């Protein structure tokens, strides 16, 4: 069975390097561009399906 990974707004903003939204998460588990990129590449390599809800795309302003 394939793994499904849902990408939320804060992670998408970091991945797209949206100005002012370069990091997300608490101090002990900060998500940076490099960490997001590495995780997404890892999931793709494992055959995971990436899902971006329409609300995430709209909230990010990427339409």
Protein backbone atom coordinates (compact mmCIF):
# COMPACT_ATOMS: atom_id res chain seq x y z
CA UNK A 1 0.00 0.00 0.00
CA UNK A 2 1.29 3.47 -0.90
CA UNK A 3 1.83 6.13 1.73
CA UNK A 4 -0.09 9.40 1.32
CA UNK A 5 1.55 12.63 2.50
CA UNK A 6 -0.65 15.71 2.87
CA UNK A 7 1.26 18.96 2.48
CA UNK A 8 -0.24 21.76 4.55
CA UNK A 9 -0.05 25.51 3.97
CA UNK A 10 2.89 26.21 6.26
CA UNK A 11 5.04 23.46 4.73
CA UNK A 12 4.15 24.55 1.18
CA UNK A 13 5.08 28.16 2.01
CA UNK A 14 8.48 27.01 3.29
CA UNK A 15 9.02 24.74 0.25
CA UNK A 16 8.15 27.59 -2.16
CA UNK A 17 10.23 30.06 -0.15
CA UNK A 18 7.35 32.51 0.30
CA UNK A 19 8.83 35.74 1.74
CA UNK A 20 8.18 35.97 5.49
CA UNK A 21 7.24 32.29 5.66
CA UNK A 22 10.70 30.69 5.34
CA UNK A 23 10.28 28.51 8.44
CA UNK A 24 7.48 26.91 10.42
CA UNK A 25 7.00 24.80 13.52
CA UNK A 26 8.09 25.14 17.14
CA UNK A 27 11.66 25.99 18.15
CA UNK A 28 12.47 22.37 19.01
CA UNK A 29 11.29 21.11 15.61
CA UNK A 30 11.78 23.96 13.15
CA UNK A 31 11.04 23.22 9.47
CA UNK A 32 13.39 25.01 7.07
CA UNK A 33 13.55 24.83 3.28
CA UNK A 34 16.32 22.22 3.41
CA UNK A 35 14.42 20.02 5.85
CA UNK A 36 11.19 20.26 3.82
CA UNK A 37 13.00 19.58 0.54
CA UNK A 38 14.82 16.58 1.97
CA UNK A 39 11.61 15.11 3.43
CA UNK A 40 9.67 15.58 0.19
CA UNK A 41 12.49 14.05 -1.86
CA UNK A 42 12.60 11.11 0.58
CA UNK A 43 8.84 10.54 0.30
CA UNK A 44 8.89 10.75 -3.50
CA UNK A 45 11.79 8.27 -3.64
CA UNK A 46 9.75 5.87 -1.49
CA UNK A 47 6.81 6.14 -3.88
CA UNK A 48 4.57 8.16 -1.58
CA UNK A 49 1.70 10.13 -3.05
CA UNK A 50 1.85 13.86 -2.27
CA UNK A 51 -1.49 15.61 -1.75
CA UNK A 52 -1.96 19.37 -1.70
CA UNK A 53 -5.52 20.27 -0.70
CA UNK A 54 -7.12 23.06 -2.75
CA UNK A 55 -7.36 25.18 0.42
CA UNK A 56 -3.58 24.91 0.88
CA UNK A 57 -2.96 26.08 -2.68
CA UNK A 58 -5.38 29.00 -2.28
CA UNK A 59 -3.99 30.02 1.13
CA UNK A 60 -0.45 29.96 -0.24
CA UNK A 61 -1.49 32.24 -3.09
CA UNK A 62 0.01 30.06 -5.80
CA UNK A 63 -2.93 30.12 -8.20
